[in-house]
Protein backbone atom coordinates (compact mmCIF):
# COMPACT_ATOMS: atom_id res chain seq x y z
CA MET A 1 95.34 83.03 112.82
CA PHE A 2 95.61 83.66 109.13
CA ARG A 3 93.18 82.74 106.39
CA HIS A 4 94.69 79.37 105.55
CA SER A 5 97.26 81.17 103.42
CA LEU A 6 99.10 78.01 102.46
CA ILE A 7 96.10 75.94 101.43
CA ALA A 8 93.75 78.40 99.72
CA ALA A 9 92.56 76.65 96.57
CA ALA A 10 92.27 78.22 93.14
CA LEU A 11 89.65 80.94 93.29
CA MET A 12 86.18 80.05 92.14
CA PHE A 13 85.54 83.81 92.20
CA PRO A 14 88.47 84.84 90.07
CA VAL A 15 88.62 88.63 90.40
CA VAL A 16 92.12 89.14 91.74
CA GLY A 17 92.07 90.26 95.33
CA ALA A 18 88.47 89.24 95.96
CA ALA A 19 89.34 87.13 98.96
CA PRO A 20 87.68 88.51 102.07
CA ALA A 21 89.56 90.77 104.42
CA VAL A 22 88.36 92.15 107.71
CA GLN A 23 87.18 95.73 107.84
CA ALA A 24 88.34 98.14 110.50
CA GLN A 25 85.90 98.50 113.37
CA ASP A 26 85.74 102.25 113.75
CA ALA A 27 85.26 104.69 110.89
CA GLY A 28 86.67 107.50 113.02
CA GLU A 29 90.16 106.14 113.44
CA THR A 30 93.11 107.55 111.57
CA ALA A 31 95.47 105.24 109.73
CA ALA A 32 98.17 106.22 112.18
CA SER A 33 96.11 105.39 115.26
CA ARG A 34 94.62 102.13 114.06
CA GLU A 35 96.83 99.44 115.44
CA ILE A 36 96.24 95.93 114.18
CA VAL A 37 96.12 93.19 116.79
CA VAL A 38 96.21 89.57 115.65
CA THR A 39 95.00 86.89 118.02
CA GLY A 40 96.62 83.60 117.12
CA ARG A 41 98.39 80.58 118.52
CA SER A 42 102.05 80.93 119.34
CA LEU A 43 104.72 78.88 117.63
CA LYS A 44 105.22 76.93 120.83
CA ASP A 45 101.50 76.16 121.04
CA THR A 46 101.34 74.77 117.51
CA ALA A 47 104.59 72.83 118.00
CA ASP A 48 103.25 71.29 121.22
CA ALA A 49 99.91 70.51 119.60
CA LEU A 50 101.59 68.66 116.75
CA ALA A 51 103.91 66.79 119.12
CA ASP A 52 100.97 65.79 121.34
CA CYS A 53 98.99 64.64 118.31
CA LEU A 54 101.82 62.42 117.11
CA ALA A 55 102.49 61.07 120.60
CA ARG A 56 98.93 59.82 120.95
CA LYS A 57 98.90 58.52 117.38
CA CYS A 58 96.09 60.83 116.37
CA PRO A 59 93.95 60.16 113.27
CA PRO A 60 95.34 61.33 109.90
CA ASP A 61 92.97 64.30 109.55
CA GLU A 62 94.00 65.59 112.99
CA ASP A 63 97.65 65.06 112.12
CA VAL A 64 97.21 67.09 108.94
CA ALA A 65 95.37 69.90 110.73
CA ALA A 66 98.08 70.15 113.39
CA THR A 67 100.79 70.02 110.73
CA LEU A 68 99.25 72.79 108.66
CA ALA A 69 98.78 75.04 111.69
CA HIS A 70 102.40 74.62 112.75
CA ALA A 71 103.85 74.84 109.23
CA GLU A 72 101.96 78.06 108.59
CA ASN A 73 103.23 79.49 111.87
CA LEU A 74 106.78 78.58 110.87
CA PHE A 75 106.32 80.07 107.42
CA MET A 76 104.88 83.27 108.84
CA GLY A 77 107.94 83.54 111.09
CA GLY A 78 110.20 83.24 108.06
CA ASP A 79 111.47 79.75 108.89
CA TYR A 80 110.80 78.34 105.44
CA ASP A 81 113.18 75.38 105.76
CA VAL A 82 111.57 74.00 108.91
CA ALA A 83 108.08 74.70 107.57
CA ARG A 84 108.88 72.63 104.50
CA THR A 85 110.46 69.85 106.55
CA THR A 86 107.35 69.76 108.77
CA LEU A 87 105.11 69.41 105.72
CA LEU A 88 107.28 66.77 104.05
CA ARG A 89 107.35 64.63 107.18
CA SER A 90 103.57 64.81 107.42
CA ILE A 91 103.26 63.93 103.73
CA SER A 92 105.43 60.89 104.38
CA ARG A 93 103.13 59.85 107.24
CA ASN A 94 99.82 60.59 105.57
CA ARG A 95 100.23 60.05 101.83
CA LYS A 96 98.83 56.54 102.23
CA HIS A 97 95.66 57.96 103.79
CA GLY A 98 94.76 60.01 100.73
CA GLN A 99 91.95 57.65 99.72
CA ALA A 100 90.22 57.93 103.10
CA HIS A 101 91.05 61.61 103.69
CA PRO A 102 91.49 63.13 100.23
CA VAL A 103 90.81 66.77 101.09
CA PRO A 104 93.14 67.05 104.12
CA VAL A 105 95.94 65.17 102.36
CA SER A 106 95.53 67.27 99.23
CA ASP A 107 95.80 70.34 101.46
CA LEU A 108 99.19 69.06 102.62
CA PHE A 109 100.44 68.88 99.06
CA ARG A 110 99.00 72.30 98.25
CA ALA A 111 100.70 73.85 101.28
CA ASN A 112 104.00 72.23 100.34
CA SER A 113 103.70 73.62 96.82
CA ARG A 114 103.24 77.14 98.20
CA VAL A 115 106.28 76.92 100.46
CA ALA A 116 108.32 75.37 97.64
CA GLN A 117 107.46 78.34 95.41
CA HIS A 118 108.83 80.79 97.94
CA MET A 119 111.98 78.72 98.35
CA GLY A 120 112.67 78.47 94.62
CA GLU A 121 112.10 74.71 94.64
CA ALA A 122 110.48 74.56 91.21
CA LYS A 123 110.50 70.77 90.88
CA ASP A 124 108.91 70.24 94.28
CA PHE A 125 106.34 72.90 93.45
CA GLN A 126 105.46 71.10 90.22
CA LEU A 127 105.25 67.63 91.78
CA SER A 128 103.28 68.79 94.82
CA VAL A 129 100.59 70.37 92.63
CA LEU A 130 100.32 67.10 90.68
CA ASP A 131 100.13 65.09 93.90
CA MET A 132 97.41 67.41 95.18
CA ARG A 133 95.37 66.85 92.01
CA ASP A 134 95.97 63.09 92.01
CA THR A 135 94.95 62.75 95.67
CA LEU A 136 91.60 64.40 94.95
CA LYS A 137 91.16 62.40 91.76
CA LYS A 138 91.55 59.12 93.64
CA GLY A 139 89.61 60.19 96.71
CA VAL A 140 86.61 62.11 95.38
CA GLY A 141 86.68 61.08 91.72
CA GLU A 142 87.92 62.67 88.51
CA ASP A 143 84.50 64.20 87.80
CA ASP A 144 84.26 66.03 91.11
CA PRO A 145 84.47 69.83 90.69
CA ARG A 146 87.24 69.95 93.30
CA THR A 147 89.35 67.68 91.12
CA LEU A 148 88.66 69.76 88.03
CA VAL A 149 89.62 72.97 89.85
CA ALA A 150 92.78 71.21 91.04
CA GLN A 151 93.53 70.42 87.39
CA ILE A 152 93.21 74.14 86.66
CA GLU A 153 95.81 74.67 89.37
CA VAL A 154 98.04 72.22 87.50
CA GLY A 155 97.59 74.43 84.45
CA ASP A 156 98.52 77.48 86.50
CA SER A 157 101.68 75.74 87.67
CA ARG A 158 102.68 74.88 84.12
CA ALA A 159 102.22 78.49 83.07
CA LYS A 160 104.22 79.72 86.04
CA LEU A 161 107.05 77.30 85.22
CA GLY A 162 107.30 78.52 81.65
CA HIS A 163 105.07 76.11 79.73
CA PRO A 164 102.16 78.29 78.58
CA GLU A 165 101.07 76.09 75.67
CA GLU A 166 100.70 73.12 77.98
CA ALA A 167 98.75 75.27 80.41
CA LYS A 168 96.36 76.42 77.66
CA ARG A 169 95.78 72.80 76.63
CA ILE A 170 94.93 71.89 80.23
CA TYR A 171 92.50 74.79 80.56
CA GLY A 172 90.81 73.79 77.31
CA ASP A 173 90.48 70.16 78.38
CA VAL A 174 88.99 71.12 81.74
CA GLU A 175 86.51 73.47 80.08
CA LYS A 176 85.25 70.76 77.71
CA ARG A 177 85.01 68.19 80.48
CA ALA A 178 83.22 70.57 82.84
CA ILE A 179 80.65 71.43 80.17
CA ALA A 180 80.04 67.74 79.51
CA LEU A 181 79.56 67.15 83.23
CA GLY A 182 77.15 70.06 83.66
CA GLN A 183 79.56 72.20 85.71
CA PRO A 184 79.33 75.60 84.00
CA ARG A 185 81.12 77.55 86.73
CA VAL A 186 84.19 75.34 86.49
CA ALA A 187 84.00 75.57 82.71
CA MET A 188 83.88 79.37 82.86
CA PHE A 189 86.79 79.43 85.28
CA ALA A 190 88.91 77.32 82.92
CA ARG A 191 87.86 79.41 79.91
CA LEU A 192 88.81 82.60 81.75
CA ARG A 193 92.22 81.25 82.78
CA GLY A 194 92.95 80.33 79.19
CA ALA A 195 91.90 83.73 77.87
CA ILE A 196 93.95 85.57 80.49
CA LEU A 197 97.03 83.51 79.69
CA LYS A 198 96.61 84.11 75.96
CA ASN A 199 96.24 87.85 76.59
CA THR A 200 99.30 87.94 78.85
CA GLN A 201 101.41 86.10 76.29
CA ALA A 202 100.29 88.37 73.47
CA GLU A 203 101.14 91.49 75.47
CA GLU A 204 104.54 90.22 76.58
CA LEU A 205 105.52 89.15 73.06
CA ASN A 206 103.77 92.09 71.36
CA GLN A 207 101.83 89.88 68.96
CA PRO A 208 99.09 91.95 67.27
CA GLN A 209 97.05 89.03 65.92
CA GLU A 210 97.20 87.13 69.18
CA LYS A 211 96.15 90.29 71.02
CA LYS A 212 93.04 90.49 68.83
CA GLU A 213 92.25 86.81 69.44
CA ALA A 214 92.72 87.19 73.20
CA ARG A 215 90.50 90.26 73.28
CA ALA A 216 87.83 88.40 71.32
CA ALA A 217 87.99 85.51 73.79
CA LEU A 218 87.62 87.86 76.76
CA GLU A 219 84.77 89.74 75.09
CA ASP A 220 82.99 86.43 74.45
CA ILE A 221 83.24 85.61 78.17
CA ILE A 222 81.67 89.01 78.91
CA LYS A 223 78.86 88.70 76.38
CA ASN A 224 78.09 84.99 76.58
CA PRO A 225 78.65 83.68 80.11
CA LEU A 226 77.48 80.17 80.92
CA PRO A 227 74.69 79.86 83.52
CA GLY A 228 75.92 80.87 86.97
CA GLY A 229 79.13 82.36 85.63
CA THR A 230 78.38 86.05 85.42
CA GLU A 231 81.11 86.98 87.93
CA PHE A 232 83.64 85.61 85.44
CA SER A 233 82.41 88.24 83.01
CA LEU A 234 83.48 90.89 85.52
CA ALA A 235 86.91 89.30 85.75
CA ALA A 236 87.21 89.41 81.95
CA ARG A 237 86.22 93.10 81.96
CA VAL A 238 88.91 93.81 84.53
CA VAL A 239 91.54 92.14 82.35
CA LEU A 240 90.44 94.13 79.30
CA ALA A 241 90.45 97.35 81.31
CA ARG A 242 94.02 96.66 82.39
CA THR A 243 94.98 96.12 78.75
CA ASP A 244 93.26 99.36 77.78
CA ARG A 245 95.12 101.29 80.47
CA LYS A 246 98.42 100.06 79.08
CA ALA A 247 97.32 101.45 75.71
CA GLY A 248 96.49 104.82 77.29
CA ARG A 249 92.73 104.31 77.62
CA GLN A 250 91.30 105.09 81.08
CA ASP A 251 87.60 104.93 80.23
CA THR A 252 86.98 101.20 80.68
CA THR A 253 88.49 101.20 84.16
CA ALA A 254 86.49 104.32 85.06
CA ASP A 255 83.31 102.65 83.79
CA ILE A 256 83.82 99.65 86.09
CA VAL A 257 84.54 101.88 89.09
CA ARG A 258 81.39 103.94 88.39
CA GLU A 259 79.27 100.80 88.13
CA PHE A 260 80.48 99.55 91.51
CA ALA A 261 79.84 102.98 93.04
CA ALA A 262 76.34 103.15 91.50
CA ALA A 263 75.58 99.71 92.90
CA GLY A 264 76.45 100.89 96.41
CA GLY A 265 80.02 99.65 96.65
CA VAL A 266 81.47 96.41 97.95
CA THR A 267 81.90 94.97 101.43
CA ARG A 268 85.16 93.20 100.70
CA PRO A 269 88.21 94.11 98.59
CA VAL A 270 87.77 93.59 94.85
CA LEU A 271 90.92 94.43 92.92
CA LEU A 272 90.10 96.08 89.60
CA PHE A 273 93.52 97.05 88.34
CA SER A 274 97.18 96.49 89.08
CA GLU A 275 100.39 96.57 87.12
CA PRO A 276 102.74 93.57 87.30
CA ILE A 277 105.65 93.92 89.67
CA LYS A 278 108.56 95.24 87.65
CA ARG A 279 111.49 92.97 86.99
CA ILE A 280 114.36 93.44 89.41
CA ASP A 281 117.63 94.70 87.96
CA MET A 282 120.12 92.99 90.22
CA THR A 283 123.08 94.68 88.51
CA SER A 284 122.03 97.93 90.16
CA ASN A 285 122.41 96.24 93.55
CA ALA A 286 126.09 95.47 93.08
CA GLY A 287 127.01 98.09 95.65
CA ASP A 288 124.87 96.44 98.29
CA GLY A 289 126.48 93.04 98.57
CA GLN A 290 125.27 91.66 95.22
CA PRO A 291 127.83 90.69 92.56
CA ALA A 292 127.44 92.15 89.08
CA GLY A 293 125.24 90.30 86.59
CA ASN A 294 126.35 87.44 84.33
CA THR A 295 129.15 86.17 86.53
CA THR A 296 129.64 82.82 88.23
CA SER A 297 129.57 84.68 91.53
CA ARG A 298 126.23 86.19 90.54
CA LEU A 299 124.84 82.76 89.66
CA THR A 300 125.37 81.59 93.22
CA SER A 301 124.75 84.87 95.03
CA LEU A 302 121.19 83.94 95.97
CA GLU A 303 122.18 80.51 97.24
CA THR A 304 121.80 81.65 100.82
CA SER A 305 119.27 84.38 100.14
CA ASP A 306 116.80 84.66 102.99
CA GLN A 307 114.85 87.78 102.22
CA TRP A 308 111.16 88.29 102.84
CA ALA A 309 108.82 91.00 104.03
CA ASP A 310 105.25 91.32 105.26
CA ILE A 311 103.75 94.49 103.80
CA GLY A 312 100.59 96.05 105.19
CA PHE A 313 98.39 98.64 103.51
CA TRP A 314 94.95 100.21 103.70
CA VAL A 315 92.37 99.96 100.95
CA ASN A 316 90.44 103.23 101.35
CA PRO A 317 86.71 103.78 100.66
CA ASP A 318 87.51 105.19 97.22
CA GLY A 319 89.39 102.01 96.32
CA ARG A 320 92.82 103.57 96.46
CA VAL A 321 95.73 102.19 98.48
CA SER A 322 97.46 104.16 101.24
CA ASP A 323 99.88 103.74 104.14
CA VAL A 324 101.96 101.01 102.54
CA GLU A 325 104.58 99.89 105.03
CA VAL A 326 106.87 96.99 105.89
CA LEU A 327 105.53 95.38 109.04
CA ARG A 328 108.39 92.95 109.49
CA GLY A 329 110.89 91.08 107.39
CA LYS A 330 114.37 89.73 106.97
CA GLY A 331 117.23 90.81 104.74
CA THR A 332 117.79 93.95 102.72
CA ARG A 333 114.89 96.05 101.49
CA GLN A 334 116.04 97.67 98.25
CA TRP A 335 114.31 94.89 96.27
CA LEU A 336 110.95 96.03 97.70
CA LYS A 337 110.87 99.25 95.67
CA PRO A 338 108.95 97.67 92.74
CA VAL A 339 106.58 96.04 95.24
CA PHE A 340 105.71 99.43 96.76
CA GLU A 341 105.18 100.88 93.28
CA HIS A 342 102.92 97.95 92.41
CA LEU A 343 100.82 98.29 95.57
CA ASN A 344 100.45 102.06 95.33
CA GLY A 345 99.18 101.68 91.78
CA ARG A 346 96.38 99.24 92.60
CA ILE A 347 92.74 100.25 92.14
CA TYR A 348 90.03 98.48 94.12
CA ALA A 349 86.27 98.79 93.79
CA PRO A 350 84.71 101.59 95.90
CA LEU A 351 83.53 100.41 99.30
CA LYS A 352 79.94 100.19 100.44
CA LYS A 353 78.38 103.15 102.22
CA GLU A 354 75.71 102.73 104.85
CA GLY A 355 74.04 105.99 105.80
CA ASN A 356 76.62 108.49 107.00
CA ASP A 357 78.95 105.69 107.96
CA GLY A 358 80.69 103.61 105.36
CA VAL A 359 83.19 100.80 105.36
CA PRO A 360 86.21 102.76 106.62
CA GLY A 361 88.65 100.64 104.71
CA PHE A 362 90.28 97.26 104.72
CA TYR A 363 93.67 96.50 106.14
CA MET A 364 95.54 93.89 104.15
CA VAL A 365 98.83 92.09 104.66
CA GLU A 366 100.81 90.33 101.95
CA ARG A 367 104.01 88.28 102.17
CA TYR A 368 106.68 88.92 99.55
CA THR A 369 109.75 86.72 99.18
CA LEU A 370 112.84 87.38 97.09
CA THR A 371 113.97 84.08 95.66
CA ALA A 372 115.39 82.37 92.58
CA ARG A 373 114.64 78.92 91.31
CA PHE A 374 117.09 76.08 91.65
CA VAL A 375 118.38 74.66 88.36
CA ASN A 376 121.06 72.14 87.45
CA ASP A 377 122.59 73.64 84.32
CA THR A 378 123.72 77.14 85.21
CA THR A 379 127.48 76.53 85.37
CA GLY A 380 127.96 73.44 83.21
CA SER A 381 128.27 71.21 86.25
CA ARG A 382 125.90 68.96 88.17
CA ILE A 383 126.06 71.25 91.19
CA ARG A 384 122.64 72.69 91.91
CA ARG A 385 122.54 76.47 91.66
CA ARG A 386 119.90 79.14 91.60
CA GLU A 387 118.95 80.97 88.42
CA ALA A 388 120.71 84.26 87.82
CA GLU A 389 117.38 86.07 87.52
CA PRO A 390 115.62 86.57 90.87
CA ARG A 391 111.86 86.60 91.23
CA ILE A 392 109.40 87.88 93.80
CA GLU A 393 106.76 85.51 95.16
CA ARG A 394 103.59 86.83 96.80
CA LEU A 395 101.04 85.38 99.23
CA ASP A 396 97.99 87.05 100.80
CA ILE A 397 98.26 86.60 104.56
CA THR A 398 95.60 89.07 105.65
CA PRO A 399 94.57 88.08 109.18
CA GLU A 400 90.98 87.04 109.70
CA ASN A 401 90.60 88.13 113.31
CA TYR A 402 92.48 91.39 113.77
CA ALA A 403 90.89 94.36 115.52
CA PRO A 404 92.11 97.68 116.92
CA PRO A 405 92.53 97.61 120.70
CA ALA A 406 89.68 99.25 122.61
CA GLU A 407 91.97 101.76 124.28
CA VAL A 408 93.16 103.33 121.03
CA ALA A 409 91.79 106.86 120.83
CA THR A 410 89.92 107.72 117.66
CA ALA A 411 90.13 110.81 115.55
CA GLY A 412 88.62 111.96 112.28
CA ARG A 413 89.88 110.09 109.26
């Protein structure tokens, strides 16, 4: 099964890509020979388990667990509509149990928000994140760190939906509250999110003064971390290194890589640098079934879009990415070109070496979905349509229990 892709909370260790992935089991295998085998429950198994649970009127936490397992299976199979319906029906059954089972019920809302993102359901995404936060607030209390982290997720959702100033206000409020409550790690997390957002805005809008202010905020996180928050300093360094690379400076990224290598490397993927996925120019796709831009036909062209892909790749011992490939998917693939460019340009921390044998690499799998958000004002009518500008949504679905089959012959890598 996968690493709870739909319910992973906001990272308390915020270096992008720091979520654990499983290392290959034999350093002698070539990329070509290393076949990945995932042991998981079939769609029929999870469907039967959920049906059996409901038939015996199982407790709410068991209902939620069975729902999440089946919804994730449906999502992984590309059946987004049924996955969302499964989650919404469970929310209808279990919303009232949020006080007694706040964490499972909040997980339902979080999972629904993730699926809604990939379907372009912006309003449902927004409301589900709020419901997730409110469920925790009522169930474990507004001062609980889980609630405060959920509020940071609310800020993330506001930024993603185009309301950066509101997001920055939320991050600032959480930081102040966390400091008052003696939760320095949460405070540092909120401070980092605010600094990253400010830096991103300044770069996108090319605002020199704001760039200076954002850099100063990130440098302050590096130099003056709160107790227990030193890993957030690393995240701030990574952001600054990315900014430097855009300005033609390679030294700060090289310094971080050297420090990881000098420390012996890492035992799980830590992403140090990546460029954003380039915006898709849909007008260039007109010859492949897509209408030209800025037409009524174009505004509705993604109405029935059902395009997704699972992309696998190796993170090698030197931190570079190789063997990027589409494992499975649905729909055309020309929109994946900027995704491949993005993945091939990533830099991870060097991997740990143990004697003559080192970590041979990590195999990772990520889901990418081509979508566009639903809006109500694209054609001057009340008919719901998708935005003219498509977007690519991403989710880490690296399996937690894959391994190469024993019979695969090994060769020198």
